[in-house]
Amino acid sequence: MESLLFTPGKAFLSVNSPVVPWTVVFEDEGVAGYFYACDRSQETQDHAILDAMLIYNVSALKDRETQRLAAVDWSRNGLQAVLYLDGTAQALFDFGAQRGFCRTDFPNFIAQQGDRWVKTTHAWSDSELQRFEASLYA
């Protein structure tokens, strides 16, 4: 598990999967925090981002000046990654199933032609989190 202590409004945590070419990135550039699924084999950044999910809007956070802890953990097979904020799971990417789950369920849109990732919903799934956590100890 890799982690970062940060103050909302400025954060960047990039964590590679043990399986090439997957990477996840948690980023907060001042307005909002996002979690990205990336393919680091792609040459351009536009192609590298497979999916993105909103984690929070900075203006909606209580105690915005309080430091937080972001952490990313990968499944043993390197195909699932979970983002934790202050110890609570906020988002999960499943590279095998090509979909993401987050507590905000945002954004939701129709996939572009040729896009294999499920993006019509990012609804949170306790069962997916339980499956991820079980895989850590299998």
Protein backbone atom coordinates (compact mmCIF):
# COMPACT_ATOMS: atom_id res chain seq x y z
CA MET A 1 0.00 0.00 0.00
CA GLU A 2 1.30 3.44 -0.93
CA SER A 3 0.06 6.56 0.82
CA LEU A 4 0.23 10.34 0.85
CA LEU A 5 -0.51 12.85 3.60
CA PHE A 6 -2.09 15.93 1.98
CA THR A 7 -4.25 18.99 2.50
CA PRO A 8 -7.31 19.13 0.20
CA GLY A 9 -6.61 21.36 -2.76
CA LYS A 10 -3.24 19.88 -3.69
CA ALA A 11 -2.44 16.18 -3.99
CA PHE A 12 -0.87 13.75 -6.43
CA LEU A 13 -0.38 10.04 -5.84
CA SER A 14 0.47 7.70 -8.73
CA VAL A 15 0.76 3.97 -8.00
CA ASN A 16 1.73 1.33 -10.55
CA SER A 17 0.19 -2.11 -10.55
CA PRO A 18 2.53 -5.06 -10.17
CA VAL A 19 1.10 -6.01 -13.59
CA VAL A 20 2.22 -3.88 -16.53
CA PRO A 21 0.77 -1.57 -17.87
CA TRP A 22 -1.82 -0.51 -15.25
CA THR A 23 -1.52 2.58 -13.04
CA VAL A 24 -3.93 4.51 -10.87
CA VAL A 25 -3.63 8.19 -9.98
CA PHE A 26 -5.30 10.21 -7.24
CA GLU A 27 -5.11 13.92 -8.05
CA ASP A 28 -6.48 17.11 -6.51
CA GLU A 29 -5.59 20.31 -8.38
CA GLY A 30 -7.61 22.66 -6.20
CA VAL A 31 -11.25 22.25 -7.20
CA ALA A 32 -11.82 18.51 -6.89
CA GLY A 33 -10.19 15.18 -6.21
CA TYR A 34 -10.26 12.56 -8.97
CA PHE A 35 -9.16 8.94 -9.28
CA TYR A 36 -7.88 7.82 -12.68
CA ALA A 37 -7.33 4.39 -14.24
CA CYS A 38 -4.40 4.60 -16.65
CA ASP A 39 -2.60 2.49 -19.22
CA ARG A 40 1.04 3.52 -19.04
CA SER A 41 1.84 1.77 -22.35
CA GLN A 42 -0.03 4.52 -24.24
CA GLU A 43 2.10 7.28 -25.73
CA THR A 44 -0.19 10.24 -25.07
CA GLN A 45 -1.92 11.25 -21.86
CA ASP A 46 -5.33 11.36 -23.56
CA HIS A 47 -5.06 7.69 -24.50
CA ALA A 48 -3.47 6.74 -21.17
CA ILE A 49 -6.58 7.65 -19.13
CA LEU A 50 -9.04 4.78 -19.36
CA ASP A 51 -11.55 6.10 -16.80
CA ALA A 52 -11.89 8.87 -14.22
CA MET A 53 -14.10 9.24 -11.15
CA LEU A 54 -14.90 12.22 -8.96
CA ILE A 55 -13.94 11.57 -5.34
CA TYR A 56 -14.87 14.95 -3.83
CA ASN A 57 -15.34 18.65 -4.48
CA VAL A 58 -12.96 20.62 -2.27
CA SER A 59 -15.60 23.28 -1.52
CA ALA A 60 -17.96 20.62 -0.13
CA LEU A 61 -15.45 19.18 2.34
CA LYS A 62 -15.69 19.89 6.04
CA ASP A 63 -12.43 20.98 7.67
CA ARG A 64 -10.70 21.68 4.36
CA GLU A 65 -7.55 22.78 6.19
CA THR A 66 -7.18 19.41 7.93
CA GLN A 67 -4.59 17.05 6.53
CA ARG A 68 -5.89 13.78 5.10
CA LEU A 69 -4.36 10.45 4.26
CA ALA A 70 -4.80 9.03 0.76
CA ALA A 71 -3.73 5.42 0.20
CA VAL A 72 -3.88 3.03 -2.74
CA ASP A 73 -3.78 -0.74 -2.46
CA TRP A 74 -3.58 -3.23 -5.35
CA SER A 75 -5.04 -6.74 -5.38
CA ARG A 76 -2.56 -9.60 -5.46
CA ASN A 77 -3.26 -10.21 -9.15
CA GLY A 78 -2.65 -6.52 -9.95
CA LEU A 79 -6.02 -6.02 -11.67
CA GLN A 80 -7.92 -4.13 -8.95
CA ALA A 81 -6.96 -0.99 -7.06
CA VAL A 82 -8.74 0.76 -4.20
CA LEU A 83 -8.38 4.38 -3.12
CA TYR A 84 -8.78 4.99 0.62
CA LEU A 85 -9.17 8.41 2.21
CA ASP A 86 -8.53 8.46 5.95
CA GLY A 87 -8.95 4.68 6.01
CA THR A 88 -12.30 4.52 4.19
CA ALA A 89 -12.54 3.05 0.70
CA GLN A 90 -13.75 5.72 -1.73
CA ALA A 91 -13.21 4.15 -5.15
CA LEU A 92 -12.23 0.90 -6.83
CA PHE A 93 -11.00 0.21 -10.35
CA ASP A 94 -11.27 -3.29 -11.79
CA PHE A 95 -9.01 -3.46 -14.84
CA GLY A 96 -10.14 -7.01 -15.64
CA ALA A 97 -13.83 -6.06 -15.78
CA GLN A 98 -12.95 -2.62 -17.24
CA ARG A 99 -15.06 -0.61 -14.82
CA GLY A 100 -14.86 1.62 -11.79
CA PHE A 101 -16.91 2.09 -8.64
CA CYS A 102 -16.99 5.18 -6.42
CA ARG A 103 -19.10 6.56 -3.59
CA THR A 104 -20.07 9.67 -5.61
CA ASP A 105 -21.20 7.60 -8.65
CA PHE A 106 -19.90 10.37 -10.90
CA PRO A 107 -19.42 10.87 -13.77
CA ASN A 108 -21.86 8.80 -15.79
CA PHE A 109 -21.83 9.05 -19.55
CA ILE A 110 -22.17 7.04 -22.71
CA ALA A 111 -18.90 5.50 -23.82
CA GLN A 112 -17.17 6.69 -26.97
CA GLN A 113 -16.97 4.34 -29.93
CA GLY A 114 -14.26 1.76 -29.30
CA ASP A 115 -14.24 2.45 -25.53
CA ARG A 116 -14.47 -0.86 -23.68
CA TRP A 117 -14.79 0.56 -20.17
CA VAL A 118 -18.23 0.66 -18.53
CA LYS A 119 -18.92 4.34 -17.82
CA THR A 120 -22.71 4.59 -17.75
CA THR A 121 -22.49 4.11 -13.99
CA HIS A 122 -19.80 4.26 -11.33
CA ALA A 123 -22.19 3.24 -8.53
CA TRP A 124 -20.49 2.05 -5.36
CA SER A 125 -20.50 -1.70 -4.73
CA ASP A 126 -19.88 -3.14 -1.26
CA SER A 127 -19.68 -6.61 -2.82
CA GLU A 128 -16.84 -5.53 -5.15
CA LEU A 129 -14.96 -4.08 -2.18
CA GLN A 130 -15.47 -7.30 -0.22
CA ARG A 131 -14.21 -9.31 -3.20
CA PHE A 132 -11.14 -7.06 -3.39
CA GLU A 133 -10.44 -7.37 0.34
CA ALA A 134 -10.86 -11.16 0.19
CA SER A 135 -8.32 -11.31 -2.65
CA LEU A 136 -5.70 -9.69 -0.41
CA TYR A 137 -5.73 -12.67 1.89
CA ALA A 138 -6.36 -15.48 -0.61
